[in-house]
C-alpha atoms as a PDB file:
ATOM      1  CA  MET A   1      49.664 -38.049 -42.736  1.00  0.00           C
ATOM      2  CA  SER A   2      47.853 -36.271 -45.559  1.00  0.00           C
ATOM      3  CA  THR A   3      48.665 -36.983 -49.201  1.00  0.00           C
ATOM      4  CA  ALA A   4      48.438 -34.275 -51.840  1.00  0.00           C
ATOM      5  CA  LEU A   5      45.909 -35.059 -54.552  1.00  0.00           C
ATOM      6  CA  ILE A   6      47.103 -34.773 -58.144  1.00  0.00           C
ATOM      7  CA  ASP A   7      44.441 -34.700 -60.856  1.00  0.00           C
ATOM      8  CA  HIS A   8      45.848 -36.273 -64.019  1.00  0.00           C
ATOM      9  CA  HIS A   9      42.555 -35.979 -65.915  1.00  0.00           C
ATOM     10  CA  ALA A  10      41.848 -32.242 -66.073  1.00  0.00           C
ATOM     11  CA  HIS A  11      40.860 -30.409 -69.243  1.00  0.00           C
ATOM     12  CA  TRP A  12      41.335 -26.730 -70.018  1.00  0.00           C
ATOM     13  CA  VAL A  13      40.777 -24.528 -73.075  1.00  0.00           C
ATOM     14  CA  PRO A  14      43.517 -21.865 -73.073  1.00  0.00           C
ATOM     15  CA  PRO A  15      42.454 -18.286 -73.925  1.00  0.00           C
ATOM     16  CA  GLU A  16      44.999 -18.354 -76.762  1.00  0.00           C
ATOM     17  CA  LEU A  17      42.840 -20.957 -78.506  1.00  0.00           C
ATOM     18  CA  VAL A  18      39.616 -19.043 -77.821  1.00  0.00           C
ATOM     19  CA  GLU A  19      41.181 -15.891 -79.268  1.00  0.00           C
ATOM     20  CA  LEU A  20      42.254 -17.802 -82.373  1.00  0.00           C
ATOM     21  CA  LEU A  21      38.692 -18.998 -83.003  1.00  0.00           C
ATOM     22  CA  ALA A  22      37.123 -15.658 -82.056  1.00  0.00           C
ATOM     23  CA  GLY A  23      39.277 -13.907 -84.629  1.00  0.00           C
ATOM     24  CA  ARG A  24      37.910 -16.000 -87.492  1.00  0.00           C
ATOM     25  CA  THR A  25      35.008 -14.903 -89.673  1.00  0.00           C
ATOM     26  CA  THR A  26      34.267 -18.312 -91.199  1.00  0.00           C
ATOM     27  CA  PRO A  27      33.669 -21.650 -89.446  1.00  0.00           C
ATOM     28  CA  PRO A  28      35.071 -22.922 -87.250  1.00  0.00           C
ATOM     29  CA  CYS A  29      34.588 -19.703 -85.328  1.00  0.00           C
ATOM     30  CA  LEU A  30      32.765 -17.990 -82.494  1.00  0.00           C
ATOM     31  CA  VAL A  31      29.572 -16.141 -83.403  1.00  0.00           C
ATOM     32  CA  GLU A  32      27.352 -13.799 -81.422  1.00  0.00           C
ATOM     33  CA  ALA A  33      23.596 -14.307 -81.576  1.00  0.00           C
ATOM     34  CA  PRO A  34      21.146 -11.368 -81.650  1.00  0.00           C
ATOM     35  CA  ASP A  35      20.472 -11.852 -77.929  1.00  0.00           C
ATOM     36  CA  GLY A  36      24.182 -11.412 -77.143  1.00  0.00           C
ATOM     37  CA  THR A  37      24.980 -15.060 -76.408  1.00  0.00           C
ATOM     38  CA  VAL A  38      28.184 -16.468 -77.882  1.00  0.00           C
ATOM     39  CA  TRP A  39      28.224 -19.766 -79.744  1.00  0.00           C
ATOM     40  CA  PHE A  40      30.919 -21.893 -81.301  1.00  0.00           C
ATOM     41  CA  THR A  41      30.142 -23.310 -84.729  1.00  0.00           C
ATOM     42  CA  PRO A  42      32.620 -25.815 -86.202  1.00  0.00           C
ATOM     43  CA  ASP A  43      30.938 -26.023 -89.595  1.00  0.00           C
ATOM     44  CA  GLY A  44      28.232 -23.350 -89.879  1.00  0.00           C
ATOM     45  CA  GLU A  45      25.493 -25.848 -89.026  1.00  0.00           C
ATOM     46  CA  ARG A  46      26.170 -27.208 -85.567  1.00  0.00           C
ATOM     47  CA  ARG A  47      26.584 -24.805 -82.691  1.00  0.00           C
ATOM     48  CA  PHE A  48      27.752 -25.225 -79.119  1.00  0.00           C
ATOM     49  CA  ALA A  49      27.559 -22.948 -76.104  1.00  0.00           C
ATOM     50  CA  PRO A  50      31.140 -22.653 -74.793  1.00  0.00           C
ATOM     51  CA  ARG A  51      31.592 -23.099 -71.058  1.00  0.00           C
ATOM     52  CA  PHE A  52      34.091 -20.368 -70.346  1.00  0.00           C
ATOM     53  CA  ALA A  53      33.584 -20.341 -66.559  1.00  0.00           C
ATOM     54  CA  ASN A  54      35.701 -23.452 -65.986  1.00  0.00           C
ATOM     55  CA  ASP A  55      38.472 -21.974 -68.113  1.00  0.00           C
ATOM     56  CA  ASP A  56      38.907 -18.996 -65.774  1.00  0.00           C
ATOM     57  CA  VAL A  57      42.002 -19.798 -63.730  1.00  0.00           C
ATOM     58  CA  ALA A  58      40.733 -18.172 -60.537  1.00  0.00           C
ATOM     59  CA  THR A  59      37.501 -20.166 -60.755  1.00  0.00           C
ATOM     60  CA  ARG A  60      39.464 -23.362 -61.386  1.00  0.00           C
ATOM     61  CA  LEU A  61      41.798 -22.761 -58.468  1.00  0.00           C
ATOM     62  CA  ALA A  62      38.835 -22.164 -56.161  1.00  0.00           C
ATOM     63  CA  ALA A  63      37.274 -25.450 -57.302  1.00  0.00           C
ATOM     64  CA  MET A  64      40.577 -27.249 -56.719  1.00  0.00           C
ATOM     65  CA  GLU A  65      40.726 -25.861 -53.198  1.00  0.00           C
ATOM     66  CA  ARG A  66      37.211 -27.087 -52.439  1.00  0.00           C
ATOM     67  CA  ALA A  67      38.052 -30.553 -53.736  1.00  0.00           C
ATOM     68  CA  GLY A  68      41.438 -30.727 -52.005  1.00  0.00           C
ATOM     69  CA  VAL A  69      43.340 -31.018 -55.307  1.00  0.00           C
ATOM     70  CA  ALA A  70      46.891 -29.760 -55.015  1.00  0.00           C
ATOM     71  CA  HIS A  71      47.949 -30.024 -58.657  1.00  0.00           C
ATOM     72  CA  GLN A  72      46.357 -30.605 -62.061  1.00  0.00           C
ATOM     73  CA  MET A  73      47.848 -32.098 -65.206  1.00  0.00           C
ATOM     74  CA  LEU A  74      45.981 -30.158 -67.889  1.00  0.00           C
ATOM     75  CA  SER A  75      45.122 -31.362 -71.360  1.00  0.00           C
ATOM     76  CA  LEU A  76      42.754 -30.459 -74.186  1.00  0.00           C
ATOM     77  CA  ALA A  77      40.245 -33.158 -75.135  1.00  0.00           C
ATOM     78  CA  VAL A  78      37.487 -31.116 -76.800  1.00  0.00           C
ATOM     79  CA  VAL A  79      37.595 -27.756 -78.599  1.00  0.00           C
ATOM     80  CA  LEU A  80      34.494 -25.916 -77.353  1.00  0.00           C
ATOM     81  CA  GLY A  81      32.264 -28.868 -78.190  1.00  0.00           C
ATOM     82  CA  VAL A  82      34.045 -30.865 -80.894  1.00  0.00           C
ATOM     83  CA  PHE A  83      37.065 -33.127 -80.950  1.00  0.00           C
ATOM     84  CA  PRO A  84      40.264 -31.668 -82.438  1.00  0.00           C
ATOM     85  CA  ALA A  85      40.164 -34.224 -85.266  1.00  0.00           C
ATOM     86  CA  GLU A  86      36.835 -32.734 -86.400  1.00  0.00           C
ATOM     87  CA  LEU A  87      38.431 -29.369 -87.161  1.00  0.00           C
ATOM     88  CA  PRO A  88      39.774 -28.676 -90.675  1.00  0.00           C
ATOM     89  CA  ALA A  89      43.261 -29.956 -91.386  1.00  0.00           C
ATOM     90  CA  THR A  90      44.232 -26.476 -92.600  1.00  0.00           C
ATOM     91  CA  LEU A  91      43.584 -25.083 -89.116  1.00  0.00           C
ATOM     92  CA  GLU A  92      45.303 -27.827 -87.147  1.00  0.00           C
ATOM     93  CA  GLU A  93      48.777 -26.290 -86.966  1.00  0.00           C
ATOM     94  CA  SER A  94      47.367 -23.036 -85.549  1.00  0.00           C
ATOM     95  CA  VAL A  95      45.114 -24.858 -83.065  1.00  0.00           C
ATOM     96  CA  VAL A  96      47.986 -27.023 -81.823  1.00  0.00           C
ATOM     97  CA  ALA A  97      50.339 -24.048 -81.479  1.00  0.00           C
ATOM     98  CA  ALA A  98      47.818 -21.858 -79.652  1.00  0.00           C
ATOM     99  CA  THR A  99      46.869 -24.677 -77.282  1.00  0.00           C
ATOM    100  CA  ASN A 100      50.407 -25.658 -76.379  1.00  0.00           C
ATOM    101  CA  GLN A 101      51.531 -22.052 -75.956  1.00  0.00           C
ATOM    102  CA  GLY A 102      48.599 -21.418 -73.624  1.00  0.00           C
ATOM    103  CA  PHE A 103      49.419 -24.484 -71.558  1.00  0.00           C
ATOM    104  CA  ALA A 104      53.072 -23.470 -71.323  1.00  0.00           C
ATOM    105  CA  ARG A 105      52.166 -19.939 -70.230  1.00  0.00           C
ATOM    106  CA  LEU A 106      49.979 -21.142 -67.360  1.00  0.00           C
ATOM    107  CA  ALA A 107      52.414 -23.857 -66.274  1.00  0.00           C
ATOM    108  CA  ARG A 108      55.222 -21.284 -66.125  1.00  0.00           C
ATOM    109  CA  ALA A 109      53.052 -18.840 -64.165  1.00  0.00           C
ATOM    110  CA  ARG A 110      51.771 -21.416 -61.642  1.00  0.00           C
ATOM    111  CA  PRO A 111      54.120 -24.410 -61.638  1.00  0.00           C
ATOM    112  CA  ASP A 112      52.967 -25.193 -58.104  1.00  0.00           C
ATOM    113  CA  ARG A 113      49.419 -25.889 -59.283  1.00  0.00           C
ATOM    114  CA  PHE A 114      49.570 -26.815 -62.973  1.00  0.00           C
ATOM    115  CA  SER A 115      51.451 -28.976 -65.449  1.00  0.00           C
ATOM    116  CA  ALA A 116      50.231 -29.731 -68.953  1.00  0.00           C
ATOM    117  CA  LEU A 117      50.213 -32.254 -71.766  1.00  0.00           C
ATOM    118  CA  ALA A 118      50.690 -31.186 -75.361  1.00  0.00           C
ATOM    119  CA  LEU A 119      48.074 -31.382 -78.075  1.00  0.00           C
ATOM    120  CA  LEU A 120      49.516 -33.205 -81.109  1.00  0.00           C
ATOM    121  CA  PRO A 121      48.399 -33.048 -84.745  1.00  0.00           C
ATOM    122  CA  THR A 122      46.078 -35.850 -85.846  1.00  0.00           C
ATOM    123  CA  HIS A 123      45.680 -34.873 -89.498  1.00  0.00           C
ATOM    124  CA  ALA A 124      49.478 -34.965 -89.886  1.00  0.00           C
ATOM    125  CA  PRO A 125      50.662 -37.840 -87.656  1.00  0.00           C
ATOM    126  CA  ASP A 126      54.099 -37.729 -89.292  1.00  0.00           C
ATOM    127  CA  GLN A 127      54.619 -34.352 -87.595  1.00  0.00           C
ATOM    128  CA  ALA A 128      53.376 -35.419 -84.157  1.00  0.00           C
ATOM    129  CA  ALA A 129      56.747 -36.602 -82.817  1.00  0.00           C
ATOM    130  CA  ALA A 130      58.432 -33.308 -83.724  1.00  0.00           C
ATOM    131  CA  VAL A 131      55.610 -31.339 -82.096  1.00  0.00           C
ATOM    132  CA  LEU A 132      55.973 -33.421 -78.921  1.00  0.00           C
ATOM    133  CA  GLU A 133      59.727 -32.865 -78.847  1.00  0.00           C
ATOM    134  CA  ASP A 134      59.283 -29.103 -79.206  1.00  0.00           C
ATOM    135  CA  ALA A 135      56.481 -28.980 -76.631  1.00  0.00           C
ATOM    136  CA  VAL A 136      58.638 -30.753 -74.052  1.00  0.00           C
ATOM    137  CA  THR A 137      62.088 -29.258 -74.707  1.00  0.00           C
ATOM    138  CA  ARG A 138      61.079 -25.686 -75.560  1.00  0.00           C
ATOM    139  CA  LEU A 139      57.725 -25.186 -73.846  1.00  0.00           C
ATOM    140  CA  GLY A 140      58.278 -27.393 -70.814  1.00  0.00           C
ATOM    141  CA  LEU A 141      55.166 -29.557 -71.192  1.00  0.00           C
ATOM    142  CA  ARG A 142      55.071 -32.989 -69.546  1.00  0.00           C
ATOM    143  CA  GLY A 143      53.936 -35.240 -72.379  1.00  0.00           C
ATOM    144  CA  ALA A 144      50.955 -35.434 -74.708  1.00  0.00           C
ATOM    145  CA  ILE A 145      47.324 -36.474 -75.008  1.00  0.00           C
ATOM    146  CA  LEU A 146      46.430 -38.979 -77.742  1.00  0.00           C
ATOM    147  CA  PRO A 147      43.057 -40.168 -79.134  1.00  0.00           C
ATOM    148  CA  ALA A 148      41.883 -43.597 -78.014  1.00  0.00           C
ATOM    149  CA  ASP A 149      40.735 -44.440 -81.540  1.00  0.00           C
ATOM    150  CA  GLY A 150      44.384 -44.166 -82.570  1.00  0.00           C
ATOM    151  CA  PHE A 151      44.985 -47.355 -80.556  1.00  0.00           C
ATOM    152  CA  ALA A 152      41.956 -49.308 -81.762  1.00  0.00           C
ATOM    153  CA  ASP A 153      44.338 -51.986 -83.075  1.00  0.00           C
ATOM    154  CA  ALA A 154      48.045 -52.480 -83.590  1.00  0.00           C
ATOM    155  CA  ALA A 155      48.044 -51.416 -87.240  1.00  0.00           C
ATOM    156  CA  THR A 156      46.346 -48.113 -86.442  1.00  0.00           C
ATOM    157  CA  ALA A 157      48.625 -47.492 -83.473  1.00  0.00           C
ATOM    158  CA  ARG A 158      51.719 -47.689 -85.671  1.00  0.00           C
ATOM    159  CA  ARG A 159      51.048 -44.088 -86.686  1.00  0.00           C
ATOM    160  CA  TYR A 160      52.262 -43.131 -83.210  1.00  0.00           C
ATOM    161  CA  ALA A 161      55.432 -45.252 -83.207  1.00  0.00           C
ATOM    162  CA  ASP A 162      57.694 -42.180 -83.389  1.00  0.00           C
ATOM    163  CA  VAL A 163      55.670 -40.445 -80.652  1.00  0.00           C
ATOM    164  CA  LEU A 164      56.163 -43.429 -78.340  1.00  0.00           C
ATOM    165  CA  ALA A 165      59.901 -43.355 -78.945  1.00  0.00           C
ATOM    166  CA  VAL A 166      60.201 -39.615 -78.283  1.00  0.00           C
ATOM    167  CA  ALA A 167      58.060 -39.820 -75.139  1.00  0.00           C
ATOM    168  CA  GLU A 168      60.240 -42.576 -73.706  1.00  0.00           C
ATOM    169  CA  ARG A 169      63.484 -40.796 -74.574  1.00  0.00           C
ATOM    170  CA  LEU A 170      62.307 -37.545 -72.981  1.00  0.00           C
ATOM    171  CA  GLU A 171      60.854 -39.450 -69.992  1.00  0.00           C
ATOM    172  CA  VAL A 172      57.391 -37.923 -70.305  1.00  0.00           C
ATOM    173  CA  GLU A 173      53.978 -39.565 -70.237  1.00  0.00           C
ATOM    174  CA  LEU A 174      51.236 -40.160 -72.783  1.00  0.00           C
ATOM    175  CA  PHE A 175      47.556 -39.848 -71.897  1.00  0.00           C
ATOM    176  CA  VAL A 176      45.088 -41.841 -74.021  1.00  0.00           C
ATOM    177  CA  HIS A 177      41.652 -40.208 -73.965  1.00  0.00           C
ATOM    178  CA  PRO A 178      38.401 -40.932 -75.851  1.00  0.00           C
ATOM    179  CA  ALA A 179      38.565 -39.169 -79.212  1.00  0.00           C
ATOM    180  CA  PRO A 180      38.254 -40.057 -82.891  1.00  0.00           C
ATOM    181  CA  LEU A 181      40.778 -39.874 -85.684  1.00  0.00           C
ATOM    182  CA  PRO A 182      40.242 -37.575 -88.680  1.00  0.00           C
ATOM    183  CA  GLY A 183      37.639 -38.823 -91.128  1.00  0.00           C
ATOM    184  CA  ALA A 184      35.181 -40.153 -88.560  1.00  0.00           C
ATOM    185  CA  ALA A 185      31.681 -38.854 -89.194  1.00  0.00           C
ATOM    186  CA  PRO A 186      30.476 -36.418 -86.509  1.00  0.00           C
ATOM    187  CA  ALA A 187      27.845 -37.975 -84.281  1.00  0.00           C
ATOM    188  CA  PRO A 188      24.337 -36.678 -85.067  1.00  0.00           C
ATOM    189  CA  PRO A 189      22.508 -34.838 -82.303  1.00  0.00           C
ATOM    190  CA  ALA A 190      21.351 -37.225 -79.602  1.00  0.00           C
ATOM    191  CA  PRO A 191      17.548 -37.513 -79.679  1.00  0.00           C
ATOM    192  CA  ASP A 192      17.336 -38.334 -75.968  1.00  0.00           C
ATOM    193  CA  PRO A 193      19.479 -38.535 -72.812  1.00  0.00           C
ATOM    194  CA  VAL A 194      19.838 -42.312 -73.047  1.00  0.00           C
ATOM    195  CA  THR A 195      21.457 -42.041 -76.478  1.00  0.00           C
ATOM    196  CA  MET A 196      23.910 -39.472 -75.170  1.00  0.00           C
ATOM    197  CA  ILE A 197      24.750 -41.718 -72.211  1.00  0.00           C
ATOM    198  CA  ARG A 198      25.342 -44.622 -74.604  1.00  0.00           C
ATOM    199  CA  ARG A 199      27.856 -42.531 -76.503  1.00  0.00           C
ATOM    200  CA  ARG A 200      29.643 -40.868 -73.622  1.00  0.00           C
ATOM    201  CA  ALA A 201      29.663 -43.840 -71.218  1.00  0.00           C
ATOM    202  CA  ALA A 202      29.380 -47.137 -73.097  1.00  0.00           C
ATOM    203  CA  GLY A 203      30.852 -45.832 -76.360  1.00  0.00           C
ATOM    204  CA  PHE A 204      33.800 -44.122 -74.722  1.00  0.00           C
ATOM    205  CA  GLN A 205      34.430 -47.164 -72.544  1.00  0.00           C
ATOM    206  CA  ASP A 206      34.563 -49.420 -75.591  1.00  0.00           C
ATOM    207  CA  SER A 207      37.166 -47.204 -77.273  1.00  0.00           C
ATOM    208  CA  LEU A 208      39.286 -47.200 -74.121  1.00  0.00           C
ATOM    209  CA  THR A 209      38.970 -50.959 -73.757  1.00  0.00           C
ATOM    210  CA  GLN A 210      40.170 -51.471 -77.331  1.00  0.00           C
ATOM    211  CA  ALA A 211      43.111 -49.156 -76.656  1.00  0.00           C
ATOM    212  CA  ALA A 212      43.952 -51.056 -73.460  1.00  0.00           C
ATOM    213  CA  LEU A 213      43.948 -54.360 -75.334  1.00  0.00           C
ATOM    214  CA  THR A 214      46.302 -52.953 -77.965  1.00  0.00           C
ATOM    215  CA  LEU A 215      48.678 -51.560 -75.361  1.00  0.00           C
ATOM    216  CA  ALA A 216      48.608 -54.565 -73.037  1.00  0.00           C
ATOM    217  CA  PHE A 217      48.515 -57.527 -75.391  1.00  0.00           C
ATOM    218  CA  ASP A 218      50.267 -56.393 -78.539  1.00  0.00           C
ATOM    219  CA  ASP A 219      54.000 -55.771 -78.894  1.00  0.00           C
ATOM    220  CA  LEU A 220      53.536 -52.035 -79.413  1.00  0.00           C
ATOM    221  CA  LEU A 221      55.310 -51.129 -76.171  1.00  0.00           C
ATOM    222  CA  ALA A 222      57.966 -53.836 -76.366  1.00  0.00           C
ATOM    223  CA  PRO A 223      60.656 -51.412 -77.617  1.00  0.00           C
ATOM    224  CA  HIS A 224      59.744 -48.892 -74.896  1.00  0.00           C
ATOM    225  CA  PRO A 225      60.117 -50.496 -71.446  1.00  0.00           C
ATOM    226  CA  ARG A 226      60.372 -47.139 -69.651  1.00  0.00           C
ATOM    227  CA  LEU A 227      57.391 -45.461 -71.294  1.00  0.00           C
ATOM    228  CA  ARG A 228      54.455 -44.375 -69.092  1.00  0.00           C
ATOM    229  CA  VAL A 229      50.975 -44.487 -70.645  1.00  0.00           C
ATOM    230  CA  ARG A 230      47.771 -43.483 -68.853  1.00  0.00           C
ATOM    231  CA  LEU A 231      44.265 -44.319 -70.016  1.00  0.00           C
ATOM    232  CA  ALA A 232      41.321 -42.096 -69.077  1.00  0.00           C
ATOM    233  CA  ASN A 233      39.427 -45.060 -67.695  1.00  0.00           C
ATOM    234  CA  LEU A 234      37.083 -43.900 -64.960  1.00  0.00           C
ATOM    235  CA  GLY A 235      36.717 -46.258 -62.029  1.00  0.00           C
ATOM    236  CA  GLY A 236      39.226 -48.829 -63.222  1.00  0.00           C
ATOM    237  CA  SER A 237      36.568 -50.828 -65.062  1.00  0.00           C
ATOM    238  CA  ILE A 238      39.057 -52.274 -67.537  1.00  0.00           C
ATOM    239  CA  ALA A 239      40.508 -54.350 -64.718  1.00  0.00           C
ATOM    240  CA  LEU A 240      37.108 -56.000 -64.328  1.00  0.00           C
ATOM    241  CA  LEU A 241      37.523 -57.454 -67.819  1.00  0.00           C
ATOM    242  CA  SER A 242      40.581 -59.452 -66.837  1.00  0.00           C
ATOM    243  CA  GLU A 243      38.461 -62.382 -65.629  1.00  0.00           C
ATOM    244  CA  ARG A 244      36.530 -62.479 -68.900  1.00  0.00           C
ATOM    245  CA  ILE A 245      39.794 -62.240 -70.842  1.00  0.00           C
ATOM    246  CA  ALA A 246      41.234 -65.161 -68.848  1.00  0.00           C
ATOM    247  CA  ALA A 247      38.084 -67.242 -69.469  1.00  0.00           C
ATOM    248  CA  SER A 248      38.154 -66.439 -73.187  1.00  0.00           C
ATOM    249  CA  ALA A 249      41.839 -67.332 -73.403  1.00  0.00           C
ATOM    250  CA  ALA A 250      41.122 -70.686 -71.755  1.00  0.00           C
ATOM    251  CA  ARG A 251      38.294 -71.462 -74.186  1.00  0.00           C
ATOM    252  CA  MET A 252      40.539 -70.518 -77.107  1.00  0.00           C
ATOM    253  CA  GLY A 253      43.224 -72.896 -75.881  1.00  0.00           C
ATOM    254  CA  LEU A 254      45.825 -70.210 -75.269  1.00  0.00           C
ATOM    255  CA  PRO A 255      48.700 -71.132 -72.926  1.00  0.00           C
ATOM    256  CA  PRO A 256      47.908 -70.862 -69.194  1.00  0.00           C
ATOM    257  CA  GLY A 257      48.878 -67.524 -67.715  1.00  0.00           C
ATOM    258  CA  TRP A 258      48.298 -65.618 -70.961  1.00  0.00           C
ATOM    259  CA  GLU A 259      46.117 -63.162 -69.075  1.00  0.00           C
ATOM    260  CA  ALA A 260      49.127 -62.232 -66.950  1.00  0.00           C
ATOM    261  CA  MET A 261      50.306 -60.118 -69.884  1.00  0.00           C
ATOM    262  CA  TRP A 262      48.187 -57.392 -68.317  1.00  0.00           C
ATOM    263  CA  ASP A 263      50.930 -57.031 -65.728  1.00  0.00           C
ATOM    264  CA  ALA A 264      53.926 -58.142 -67.743  1.00  0.00           C
ATOM    265  CA  GLY A 265      53.773 -55.426 -70.395  1.00  0.00           C
ATOM    266  CA  SER A 266      56.861 -53.625 -71.574  1.00  0.00           C
ATOM    267  CA  GLY A 267      55.904 -50.140 -70.436  1.00  0.00           C
ATOM    268  CA  ASP A 268      53.862 -48.872 -67.523  1.00  0.00           C
ATOM    269  CA  ILE A 269      50.137 -48.676 -68.290  1.00  0.00           C
ATOM    270  CA  TYR A 270      47.904 -46.860 -65.818  1.00  0.00           C
ATOM    271  CA  TYR A 271      44.154 -47.373 -66.051  1.00  0.00           C
END
């Protein structure tokens, strides 16, 4: 018996967001070079070549067919080359609205193939819960994507306490993905492929591991036993740390079985 494949880790840049950036005349905006190529510049200095091909729905559907993927849960992790938190705070409300409206439009048009997670404001975390509520109840989205650096420790994660409560009440999921919080310095250009691999593999894995520790071992999810949280952890490598965590707990003199908190958490955590 065949089982339909559902891709929970699928990113898409809605045309509504591209149009928003293309309509600007100052960074962040899209610019056309003398040779006709289009670039995205977030600050007037850096520039990125947008990959529009993957954002074409027909192209995406064809790729899904080839891979045997029946349904994708879409989210926005990067805005044409930079993380959402790197964009100006003054632009965040427009970026969030355009993104979520684009997701809702596609999910309504092709509910058989696509669902979507809302983009939430990071510069204004006090507004994130209200944006999630609106995205779910009015736009029909299925939850939200959150930056892994927002769960680096329990104190930092408290900024999302209201988001956790709303997500549980509405019975939608949260997807924790590598991304910084506002104020983090943009990474300088990588001088070589190894440096880029360090950032995108080892660096991203470290941020996800820290988020997993916060979610699994702290009491953050204690008030939310029905909440579903997914971490964008490729290959399940966090589970490989459980043996090291158990050994460390033993050396620290923690009570036997402390490592079992991985499985005894309040909410459901998917790695």
